[in-house]
Amino acid sequence: MWWLIWWPTDVATNDTAAVPSPCISICRMHEPTGWCEGCLRTLDEITVWGALDTAARRALLQQISPRRVVWRALQAAAPRPPAAPASPASPEDPA
């Protein structure tokens, strides 16, 4: 899950940095956790983000950080669909 890698983790603790939204435009709610699959926020957290001050945004980002560990574990444990069978080579295919 590449999007969990690029998000700067120091934003939550850097007092001089602006606090950008953690939204990465992968907006699907994971029903069992209630988290967005992209930013790992709840619907309530997403809704109030724009009204939060800098300190509250940083506090929320600190809550999201441990969710990454849980999210990765959930994804690792999730059943994977079976791989599609390879298509037979066409007669003109030299392989």
PDB file of N, CA and C in Angstrom:
ATOM      1  N   MET A   1       0.835  -1.173   0.000  1.00  0.00           N
ATOM      2  CA  MET A   1       0.000   0.000   0.000  1.00  0.00           C
ATOM      3  C   MET A   1       0.881   1.239   0.000  1.00  0.00           C
ATOM      4  N   TRP A   2       1.215   1.663  -1.167  1.00  0.00           N
ATOM      5  CA  TRP A   2       2.161   2.757  -1.348  1.00  0.00           C
ATOM      6  C   TRP A   2       1.729   4.035  -0.680  1.00  0.00           C
ATOM      7  N   TRP A   3       0.438   4.307  -0.601  1.00  0.00           N
ATOM      8  CA  TRP A   3       0.010   5.584  -0.057  1.00  0.00           C
ATOM      9  C   TRP A   3       0.278   5.705   1.433  1.00  0.00           C
ATOM     10  N   LEU A   4       0.458   4.611   2.110  1.00  0.00           N
ATOM     11  CA  LEU A   4       0.797   4.663   3.530  1.00  0.00           C
ATOM     12  C   LEU A   4       2.282   4.960   3.734  1.00  0.00           C
ATOM     13  N   ILE A   5       3.056   4.781   2.692  1.00  0.00           N
ATOM     14  CA  ILE A   5       4.490   5.002   2.791  1.00  0.00           C
ATOM     15  C   ILE A   5       4.847   6.468   2.588  1.00  0.00           C
ATOM     16  N   TRP A   6       4.214   7.132   1.626  1.00  0.00           N
ATOM     17  CA  TRP A   6       4.643   8.486   1.287  1.00  0.00           C
ATOM     18  C   TRP A   6       4.160   9.537   2.258  1.00  0.00           C
ATOM     19  N   TRP A   7       3.114   9.290   3.034  1.00  0.00           N
ATOM     20  CA  TRP A   7       2.571  10.314   3.923  1.00  0.00           C
ATOM     21  C   TRP A   7       3.609  10.696   4.973  1.00  0.00           C
ATOM     22  N   PRO A   8       3.955  11.980   5.078  1.00  0.00           N
ATOM     23  CA  PRO A   8       5.007  12.396   6.023  1.00  0.00           C
ATOM     24  C   PRO A   8       4.569  12.244   7.478  1.00  0.00           C
ATOM     25  N   THR A   9       5.244  11.396   8.195  1.00  0.00           N
ATOM     26  CA  THR A   9       4.864  11.132   9.577  1.00  0.00           C
ATOM     27  C   THR A   9       5.277  12.253  10.521  1.00  0.00           C
ATOM     28  N   ASP A  10       6.221  13.108  10.128  1.00  0.00           N
ATOM     29  CA  ASP A  10       6.669  14.177  11.015  1.00  0.00           C
ATOM     30  C   ASP A  10       5.715  15.362  11.049  1.00  0.00           C
ATOM     31  N   VAL A  11       4.728  15.407  10.180  1.00  0.00           N
ATOM     32  CA  VAL A  11       3.767  16.515  10.174  1.00  0.00           C
ATOM     33  C   VAL A  11       3.022  16.582  11.501  1.00  0.00           C
ATOM     34  N   ALA A  12       2.763  15.440  12.098  1.00  0.00           N
ATOM     35  CA  ALA A  12       2.008  15.410  13.345  1.00  0.00           C
ATOM     36  C   ALA A  12       2.779  16.019  14.511  1.00  0.00           C
ATOM     37  N   THR A  13       4.089  16.098  14.409  1.00  0.00           N
ATOM     38  CA  THR A  13       4.878  16.599  15.534  1.00  0.00           C
ATOM     39  C   THR A  13       5.657  17.869  15.230  1.00  0.00           C
ATOM     40  N   ASN A  14       5.731  18.271  13.974  1.00  0.00           N
ATOM     41  CA  ASN A  14       6.502  19.447  13.591  1.00  0.00           C
ATOM     42  C   ASN A  14       5.652  20.698  13.797  1.00  0.00           C
ATOM     43  N   ASP A  15       5.982  21.518  14.810  1.00  0.00           N
ATOM     44  CA  ASP A  15       5.173  22.686  15.156  1.00  0.00           C
ATOM     45  C   ASP A  15       5.191  23.774  14.097  1.00  0.00           C
ATOM     46  N   THR A  16       6.195  23.806  13.236  1.00  0.00           N
ATOM     47  CA  THR A  16       6.283  24.880  12.253  1.00  0.00           C
ATOM     48  C   THR A  16       5.639  24.508  10.919  1.00  0.00           C
ATOM     49  N   ALA A  17       5.340  23.249  10.720  1.00  0.00           N
ATOM     50  CA  ALA A  17       4.785  22.806   9.444  1.00  0.00           C
ATOM     51  C   ALA A  17       3.288  23.059   9.376  1.00  0.00           C
ATOM     52  N   ALA A  18       2.833  23.419   8.187  1.00  0.00           N
ATOM     53  CA  ALA A  18       1.392  23.469   7.945  1.00  0.00           C
ATOM     54  C   ALA A  18       0.874  22.042   8.032  1.00  0.00           C
ATOM     55  N   VAL A  19      -0.392  21.884   8.314  1.00  0.00           N
ATOM     56  CA  VAL A  19      -0.948  20.545   8.471  1.00  0.00           C
ATOM     57  C   VAL A  19      -1.896  20.273   7.305  1.00  0.00           C
ATOM     58  N   PRO A  20      -1.395  19.625   6.254  1.00  0.00           N
ATOM     59  CA  PRO A  20      -2.243  19.320   5.110  1.00  0.00           C
ATOM     60  C   PRO A  20      -3.207  18.183   5.428  1.00  0.00           C
ATOM     61  N   SER A  21      -4.258  18.119   4.670  1.00  0.00           N
ATOM     62  CA  SER A  21      -5.203  17.018   4.826  1.00  0.00           C
ATOM     63  C   SER A  21      -4.512  15.706   4.495  1.00  0.00           C
ATOM     64  N   PRO A  22      -4.801  14.657   5.236  1.00  0.00           N
ATOM     65  CA  PRO A  22      -4.219  13.356   4.911  1.00  0.00           C
ATOM     66  C   PRO A  22      -4.930  12.651   3.747  1.00  0.00           C
ATOM     67  N   CYS A  23      -5.947  13.292   3.182  1.00  0.00           N
ATOM     68  CA  CYS A  23      -6.686  12.692   2.071  1.00  0.00           C
ATOM     69  C   CYS A  23      -5.759  12.451   0.889  1.00  0.00           C
ATOM     70  N   ILE A  24      -5.846  11.246   0.318  1.00  0.00           N
ATOM     71  CA  ILE A  24      -5.053  10.913  -0.857  1.00  0.00           C
ATOM     72  C   ILE A  24      -5.955  10.456  -2.001  1.00  0.00           C
ATOM     73  N   SER A  25      -7.220  10.819  -1.933  1.00  0.00           N
ATOM     74  CA  SER A  25      -8.202  10.537  -2.983  1.00  0.00           C
ATOM     75  C   SER A  25      -8.442   9.053  -3.223  1.00  0.00           C
ATOM     76  N   ILE A  26      -8.312   8.266  -2.191  1.00  0.00           N
ATOM     77  CA  ILE A  26      -8.756   6.869  -2.207  1.00  0.00           C
ATOM     78  C   ILE A  26      -9.860   6.819  -1.155  1.00  0.00           C
ATOM     79  N   CYS A  27     -11.036   7.208  -1.566  1.00  0.00           N
ATOM     80  CA  CYS A  27     -12.125   7.466  -0.616  1.00  0.00           C
ATOM     81  C   CYS A  27     -13.138   6.323  -0.618  1.00  0.00           C
ATOM     82  N   ARG A  28     -12.845   5.313   0.189  1.00  0.00           N
ATOM     83  CA  ARG A  28     -13.735   4.172   0.395  1.00  0.00           C
ATOM     84  C   ARG A  28     -13.741   3.887   1.884  1.00  0.00           C
ATOM     85  N   MET A  29     -14.909   3.717   2.433  1.00  0.00           N
ATOM     86  CA  MET A  29     -14.994   3.421   3.856  1.00  0.00           C
ATOM     87  C   MET A  29     -14.893   1.916   4.082  1.00  0.00           C
ATOM     88  N   HIS A  30     -14.059   1.540   5.024  1.00  0.00           N
ATOM     89  CA  HIS A  30     -13.887   0.146   5.419  1.00  0.00           C
ATOM     90  C   HIS A  30     -14.883  -0.106   6.541  1.00  0.00           C
ATOM     91  N   GLU A  31     -15.924  -0.841   6.238  1.00  0.00           N
ATOM     92  CA  GLU A  31     -17.038  -0.984   7.173  1.00  0.00           C
ATOM     93  C   GLU A  31     -16.644  -1.541   8.547  1.00  0.00           C
ATOM     94  N   PRO A  32     -15.822  -2.580   8.628  1.00  0.00           N
ATOM     95  CA  PRO A  32     -15.490  -3.116   9.963  1.00  0.00           C
ATOM     96  C   PRO A  32     -14.786  -2.116  10.885  1.00  0.00           C
ATOM     97  N   THR A  33     -13.927  -1.260  10.329  1.00  0.00           N
ATOM     98  CA  THR A  33     -13.201  -0.310  11.177  1.00  0.00           C
ATOM     99  C   THR A  33     -13.860   1.057  11.215  1.00  0.00           C
ATOM    100  N   GLY A  34     -14.612   1.395  10.164  1.00  0.00           N
ATOM    101  CA  GLY A  34     -15.173   2.735  10.053  1.00  0.00           C
ATOM    102  C   GLY A  34     -14.166   3.758   9.549  1.00  0.00           C
ATOM    103  N   TRP A  35     -13.036   3.290   9.007  1.00  0.00           N
ATOM    104  CA  TRP A  35     -11.977   4.168   8.515  1.00  0.00           C
ATOM    105  C   TRP A  35     -12.044   4.266   7.000  1.00  0.00           C
ATOM    106  N   CYS A  36     -11.638   5.420   6.491  1.00  0.00           N
ATOM    107  CA  CYS A  36     -11.441   5.577   5.063  1.00  0.00           C
ATOM    108  C   CYS A  36     -10.215   4.737   4.690  1.00  0.00           C
ATOM    109  N   GLU A  37     -10.309   4.001   3.609  1.00  0.00           N
ATOM    110  CA  GLU A  37      -9.188   3.149   3.201  1.00  0.00           C
ATOM    111  C   GLU A  37      -7.986   3.950   2.715  1.00  0.00           C
ATOM    112  N   GLY A  38      -8.185   5.216   2.381  1.00  0.00           N
ATOM    113  CA  GLY A  38      -7.073   6.047   1.919  1.00  0.00           C
ATOM    114  C   GLY A  38      -6.368   6.773   3.040  1.00  0.00           C
ATOM    115  N   CYS A  39      -7.131   7.503   3.851  1.00  0.00           N
ATOM    116  CA  CYS A  39      -6.510   8.359   4.872  1.00  0.00           C
ATOM    117  C   CYS A  39      -6.657   7.820   6.291  1.00  0.00           C
ATOM    118  N   LEU A  40      -7.417   6.765   6.458  1.00  0.00           N
ATOM    119  CA  LEU A  40      -7.626   6.104   7.754  1.00  0.00           C
ATOM    120  C   LEU A  40      -8.351   6.991   8.774  1.00  0.00           C
ATOM    121  N   ARG A  41      -9.125   7.956   8.290  1.00  0.00           N
ATOM    122  CA  ARG A  41      -9.959   8.761   9.182  1.00  0.00           C
ATOM    123  C   ARG A  41     -11.377   8.222   9.171  1.00  0.00           C
ATOM    124  N   THR A  42     -12.122   8.506  10.235  1.00  0.00           N
ATOM    125  CA  THR A  42     -13.535   8.166  10.279  1.00  0.00           C
ATOM    126  C   THR A  42     -14.315   9.244   9.529  1.00  0.00           C
ATOM    127  N   LEU A  43     -15.578   8.977   9.256  1.00  0.00           N
ATOM    128  CA  LEU A  43     -16.406   9.990   8.597  1.00  0.00           C
ATOM    129  C   LEU A  43     -16.498  11.259   9.441  1.00  0.00           C
ATOM    130  N   ASP A  44     -16.634  11.106  10.756  1.00  0.00           N
ATOM    131  CA  ASP A  44     -16.689  12.286  11.630  1.00  0.00           C
ATOM    132  C   ASP A  44     -15.406  13.098  11.537  1.00  0.00           C
ATOM    133  N   GLU A  45     -14.258  12.418  11.521  1.00  0.00           N
ATOM    134  CA  GLU A  45     -12.969  13.111  11.434  1.00  0.00           C
ATOM    135  C   GLU A  45     -12.808  13.821  10.092  1.00  0.00           C
ATOM    136  N   ILE A  46     -13.266  13.181   9.034  1.00  0.00           N
ATOM    137  CA  ILE A  46     -13.201  13.797   7.705  1.00  0.00           C
ATOM    138  C   ILE A  46     -14.085  15.040   7.674  1.00  0.00           C
ATOM    139  N   THR A  47     -15.266  14.927   8.253  1.00  0.00           N
ATOM    140  CA  THR A  47     -16.233  16.023   8.244  1.00  0.00           C
ATOM    141  C   THR A  47     -15.723  17.256   8.976  1.00  0.00           C
ATOM    142  N   VAL A  48     -15.073  17.077  10.115  1.00  0.00           N
ATOM    143  CA  VAL A  48     -14.655  18.233  10.921  1.00  0.00           C
ATOM    144  C   VAL A  48     -13.269  18.767  10.558  1.00  0.00           C
ATOM    145  N   TRP A  49     -12.537  18.072   9.694  1.00  0.00           N
ATOM    146  CA  TRP A  49     -11.155  18.458   9.394  1.00  0.00           C
ATOM    147  C   TRP A  49     -11.017  19.940   9.069  1.00  0.00           C
ATOM    148  N   GLY A  50     -11.858  20.464   8.200  1.00  0.00           N
ATOM    149  CA  GLY A  50     -11.751  21.856   7.771  1.00  0.00           C
ATOM    150  C   GLY A  50     -11.945  22.860   8.892  1.00  0.00           C
ATOM    151  N   ALA A  51     -12.663  22.474   9.932  1.00  0.00           N
ATOM    152  CA  ALA A  51     -12.925  23.381  11.050  1.00  0.00           C
ATOM    153  C   ALA A  51     -11.885  23.262  12.162  1.00  0.00           C
ATOM    154  N   LEU A  52     -11.001  22.266  12.087  1.00  0.00           N
ATOM    155  CA  LEU A  52     -10.017  22.057  13.150  1.00  0.00           C
ATOM    156  C   LEU A  52      -8.883  23.071  13.059  1.00  0.00           C
ATOM    157  N   ASP A  53      -8.383  23.486  14.213  1.00  0.00           N
ATOM    158  CA  ASP A  53      -7.195  24.341  14.215  1.00  0.00           C
ATOM    159  C   ASP A  53      -5.958  23.453  14.061  1.00  0.00           C
ATOM    160  N   THR A  54      -4.808  24.071  13.942  1.00  0.00           N
ATOM    161  CA  THR A  54      -3.565  23.336  13.691  1.00  0.00           C
ATOM    162  C   THR A  54      -3.278  22.297  14.772  1.00  0.00           C
ATOM    163  N   ALA A  55      -3.457  22.663  16.027  1.00  0.00           N
ATOM    164  CA  ALA A  55      -3.180  21.721  17.122  1.00  0.00           C
ATOM    165  C   ALA A  55      -4.110  20.515  17.055  1.00  0.00           C
ATOM    166  N   ALA A  56      -5.370  20.742  16.764  1.00  0.00           N
ATOM    167  CA  ALA A  56      -6.330  19.639  16.687  1.00  0.00           C
ATOM    168  C   ALA A  56      -6.033  18.740  15.484  1.00  0.00           C
ATOM    169  N   ARG A  57      -5.593  19.338  14.381  1.00  0.00           N
ATOM    170  CA  ARG A  57      -5.213  18.530  13.213  1.00  0.00           C
ATOM    171  C   ARG A  57      -4.013  17.650  13.536  1.00  0.00           C
ATOM    172  N   ARG A  58      -3.038  18.216  14.218  1.00  0.00           N
ATOM    173  CA  ARG A  58      -1.866  17.408  14.599  1.00  0.00           C
ATOM    174  C   ARG A  58      -2.265  16.281  15.553  1.00  0.00           C
ATOM    175  N   ALA A  59      -3.155  16.582  16.472  1.00  0.00           N
ATOM    176  CA  ALA A  59      -3.626  15.552  17.407  1.00  0.00           C
ATOM    177  C   ALA A  59      -4.327  14.424  16.649  1.00  0.00           C
ATOM    178  N   LEU A  60      -5.116  14.781  15.665  1.00  0.00           N
ATOM    179  CA  LEU A  60      -5.805  13.773  14.864  1.00  0.00           C
ATOM    180  C   LEU A  60      -4.808  12.935  14.070  1.00  0.00           C
ATOM    181  N   LEU A  61      -3.800  13.579  13.502  1.00  0.00           N
ATOM    182  CA  LEU A  61      -2.782  12.816  12.773  1.00  0.00           C
ATOM    183  C   LEU A  61      -2.054  11.842  13.688  1.00  0.00           C
ATOM    184  N   GLN A  62      -1.859  12.220  14.922  1.00  0.00           N
ATOM    185  CA  GLN A  62      -1.208  11.306  15.868  1.00  0.00           C
ATOM    186  C   GLN A  62      -2.104  10.106  16.163  1.00  0.00           C
ATOM    187  N   GLN A  63      -3.417  10.298  16.113  1.00  0.00           N
ATOM    188  CA  GLN A  63      -4.334   9.165  16.306  1.00  0.00           C
ATOM    189  C   GLN A  63      -4.327   8.242  15.088  1.00  0.00           C
ATOM    190  N   ILE A  64      -4.115   8.833  13.916  1.00  0.00           N
ATOM    191  CA  ILE A  64      -4.119   8.044  12.683  1.00  0.00           C
ATOM    192  C   ILE A  64      -2.869   7.182  12.583  1.00  0.00           C
ATOM    193  N   SER A  65      -1.771   7.647  13.075  1.00  0.00           N
ATOM    194  CA  SER A  65      -0.505   6.928  12.944  1.00  0.00           C
ATOM    195  C   SER A  65      -0.580   5.470  13.427  1.00  0.00           C
ATOM    196  N   PRO A  66      -1.097   5.188  14.623  1.00  0.00           N
ATOM    197  CA  PRO A  66      -1.194   3.779  15.042  1.00  0.00           C
ATOM    198  C   PRO A  66      -2.181   2.969  14.198  1.00  0.00           C
ATOM    199  N   ARG A  67      -3.114   3.637  13.574  1.00  0.00           N
ATOM    200  CA  ARG A  67      -4.068   2.925  12.716  1.00  0.00           C
ATOM    201  C   ARG A  67      -3.359   2.306  11.519  1.00  0.00           C
ATOM    202  N   ARG A  68      -2.262   2.906  11.085  1.00  0.00           N
ATOM    203  CA  ARG A  68      -1.519   2.333   9.955  1.00  0.00           C
ATOM    204  C   ARG A  68      -1.052   0.923  10.272  1.00  0.00           C
ATOM    205  N   VAL A  69      -0.600   0.713  11.485  1.00  0.00           N
ATOM    206  CA  VAL A  69      -0.130  -0.611  11.899  1.00  0.00           C
ATOM    207  C   VAL A  69      -1.288  -1.599  11.835  1.00  0.00           C
ATOM    208  N   VAL A  70      -2.424  -1.199  12.389  1.00  0.00           N
ATOM    209  CA  VAL A  70      -3.611  -2.055  12.374  1.00  0.00           C
ATOM    210  C   VAL A  70      -4.055  -2.294  10.935  1.00  0.00           C
ATOM    211  N   TRP A  71      -4.070  -1.239  10.122  1.00  0.00           N
ATOM    212  CA  TRP A  71      -4.514  -1.356   8.738  1.00  0.00           C
ATOM    213  C   TRP A  71      -3.629  -2.324   7.955  1.00  0.00           C
ATOM    214  N   ARG A  72      -2.328  -2.209   8.127  1.00  0.00           N
ATOM    215  CA  ARG A  72      -1.414  -3.117   7.423  1.00  0.00           C
ATOM    216  C   ARG A  72      -1.652  -4.562   7.850  1.00  0.00           C
ATOM    217  N   ALA A  73      -1.897  -4.775   9.132  1.00  0.00           N
ATOM    218  CA  ALA A  73      -2.169  -6.130   9.617  1.00  0.00           C
ATOM    219  C   ALA A  73      -3.482  -6.660   9.030  1.00  0.00           C
ATOM    220  N   LEU A  74      -4.494  -5.814   8.958  1.00  0.00           N
ATOM    221  CA  LEU A  74      -5.769  -6.222   8.360  1.00  0.00           C
ATOM    222  C   LEU A  74      -5.592  -6.583   6.893  1.00  0.00           C
ATOM    223  N   GLN A  75      -4.820  -5.786   6.184  1.00  0.00           N
ATOM    224  CA  GLN A  75      -4.600  -6.046   4.769  1.00  0.00           C
ATOM    225  C   GLN A  75      -3.778  -7.317   4.554  1.00  0.00           C
ATOM    226  N   ALA A  76      -2.816  -7.550   5.413  1.00  0.00           N
ATOM    227  CA  ALA A  76      -1.994  -8.758   5.291  1.00  0.00           C
ATOM    228  C   ALA A  76      -2.820 -10.015   5.570  1.00  0.00           C
ATOM    229  N   ALA A  77      -3.797  -9.904   6.453  1.00  0.00           N
ATOM    230  CA  ALA A  77      -4.618 -11.055   6.824  1.00  0.00           C
ATOM    231  C   ALA A  77      -5.802 -11.260   5.882  1.00  0.00           C
ATOM    232  N   ALA A  78      -6.090 -10.282   5.048  1.00  0.00           N
ATOM    233  CA  ALA A  78      -7.247 -10.371   4.151  1.00  0.00           C
ATOM    234  C   ALA A  78      -7.029 -11.453   3.107  1.00  0.00           C
ATOM    235  N   PRO A  79      -8.082 -12.230   2.830  1.00  0.00           N
ATOM    236  CA  PRO A  79      -7.939 -13.260   1.785  1.00  0.00           C
ATOM    237  C   PRO A  79      -7.715 -12.608   0.427  1.00  0.00           C
ATOM    238  N   ARG A  80      -6.868 -13.213  -0.358  1.00  0.00           N
ATOM    239  CA  ARG A  80      -6.564 -12.715  -1.696  1.00  0.00           C
ATOM    240  C   ARG A  80      -7.372 -13.514  -2.714  1.00  0.00           C
ATOM    241  N   PRO A  81      -7.876 -12.837  -3.745  1.00  0.00           N
ATOM    242  CA  PRO A  81      -8.580 -13.594  -4.787  1.00  0.00           C
ATOM    243  C   PRO A  81      -7.585 -14.490  -5.527  1.00  0.00           C
ATOM    244  N   PRO A  82      -8.064 -15.622  -6.035  1.00  0.00           N
ATOM    245  CA  PRO A  82      -7.135 -16.503  -6.762  1.00  0.00           C
ATOM    246  C   PRO A  82      -6.615 -15.818  -8.020  1.00  0.00           C
ATOM    247  N   ALA A  83      -5.414 -16.144  -8.381  1.00  0.00           N
ATOM    248  CA  ALA A  83      -4.802 -15.569  -9.581  1.00  0.00           C
ATOM    249  C   ALA A  83      -5.527 -16.090 -10.811  1.00  0.00           C
ATOM    250  N   ALA A  84      -5.658 -15.244 -11.800  1.00  0.00           N
ATOM    251  CA  ALA A  84      -6.296 -15.655 -13.051  1.00  0.00           C
ATOM    252  C   ALA A  84      -5.380 -16.634 -13.773  1.00  0.00           C
ATOM    253  N   PRO A  85      -5.965 -17.652 -14.374  1.00  0.00           N
ATOM    254  CA  PRO A  85      -5.104 -18.600 -15.114  1.00  0.00           C
ATOM    255  C   PRO A  85      -4.462 -17.909 -16.310  1.00  0.00           C
ATOM    256  N   ALA A  86      -3.271 -18.347 -16.631  1.00  0.00           N
ATOM    257  CA  ALA A  86      -2.564 -17.775 -17.778  1.00  0.00           C
ATOM    258  C   ALA A  86      -3.291 -18.174 -19.048  1.00  0.00           C
ATOM    259  N   SER A  87      -3.381 -17.257 -19.979  1.00  0.00           N
ATOM    260  CA  SER A  87      -4.048 -17.565 -21.250  1.00  0.00           C
ATOM    261  C   SER A  87      -3.097 -18.404 -22.107  1.00  0.00           C
ATOM    262  N   PRO A  88      -3.655 -19.320 -22.860  1.00  0.00           N
ATOM    263  CA  PRO A  88      -2.780 -20.152 -23.716  1.00  0.00           C
ATOM    264  C   PRO A  88      -2.106 -19.280 -24.778  1.00  0.00           C
ATOM    265  N   ALA A  89      -0.910 -19.661 -25.145  1.00  0.00           N
ATOM    266  CA  ALA A  89      -0.161 -18.910 -26.170  1.00  0.00           C
ATOM    267  C   ALA A  89      -0.863 -19.068 -27.512  1.00  0.00           C
ATOM    268  N   SER A  90      -0.899 -17.992 -28.266  1.00  0.00           N
ATOM    269  CA  SER A  90      -1.516 -18.042 -29.595  1.00  0.00           C
ATOM    270  C   SER A  90      -0.552 -18.754 -30.554  1.00  0.00           C
ATOM    271  N   PRO A  91      -1.059 -19.319 -31.649  1.00  0.00           N
ATOM    272  CA  PRO A  91      -0.195 -20.080 -32.582  1.00  0.00           C
ATOM    273  C   PRO A  91       0.953 -19.242 -33.139  1.00  0.00           C
ATOM    274  N   GLU A  92       0.758 -17.947 -33.324  1.00  0.00           N
ATOM    275  CA  GLU A  92       1.840 -17.139 -33.876  1.00  0.00           C
ATOM    276  C   GLU A  92       2.787 -16.640 -32.790  1.00  0.00           C
ATOM    277  N   ASP A  93       2.515 -16.962 -31.529  1.00  0.00           N
ATOM    278  CA  ASP A  93       3.344 -16.549 -30.412  1.00  0.00           C
ATOM    279  C   ASP A  93       4.539 -17.477 -30.324  1.00  0.00           C
ATOM    280  N   PRO A  94       5.788 -16.995 -30.532  1.00  0.00           N
ATOM    281  CA  PRO A  94       6.959 -17.887 -30.549  1.00  0.00           C
ATOM    282  C   PRO A  94       7.345 -18.437 -29.193  1.00  0.00           C
ATOM    283  N   ALA A  95       6.736 -17.973 -28.110  1.00  0.00           N
ATOM    284  CA  ALA A  95       7.107 -18.437 -26.780  1.00  0.00           C
ATOM    285  C   ALA A  95       6.667 -19.837 -26.642  1.00  0.00           C
TER     286      ALA A  95
END
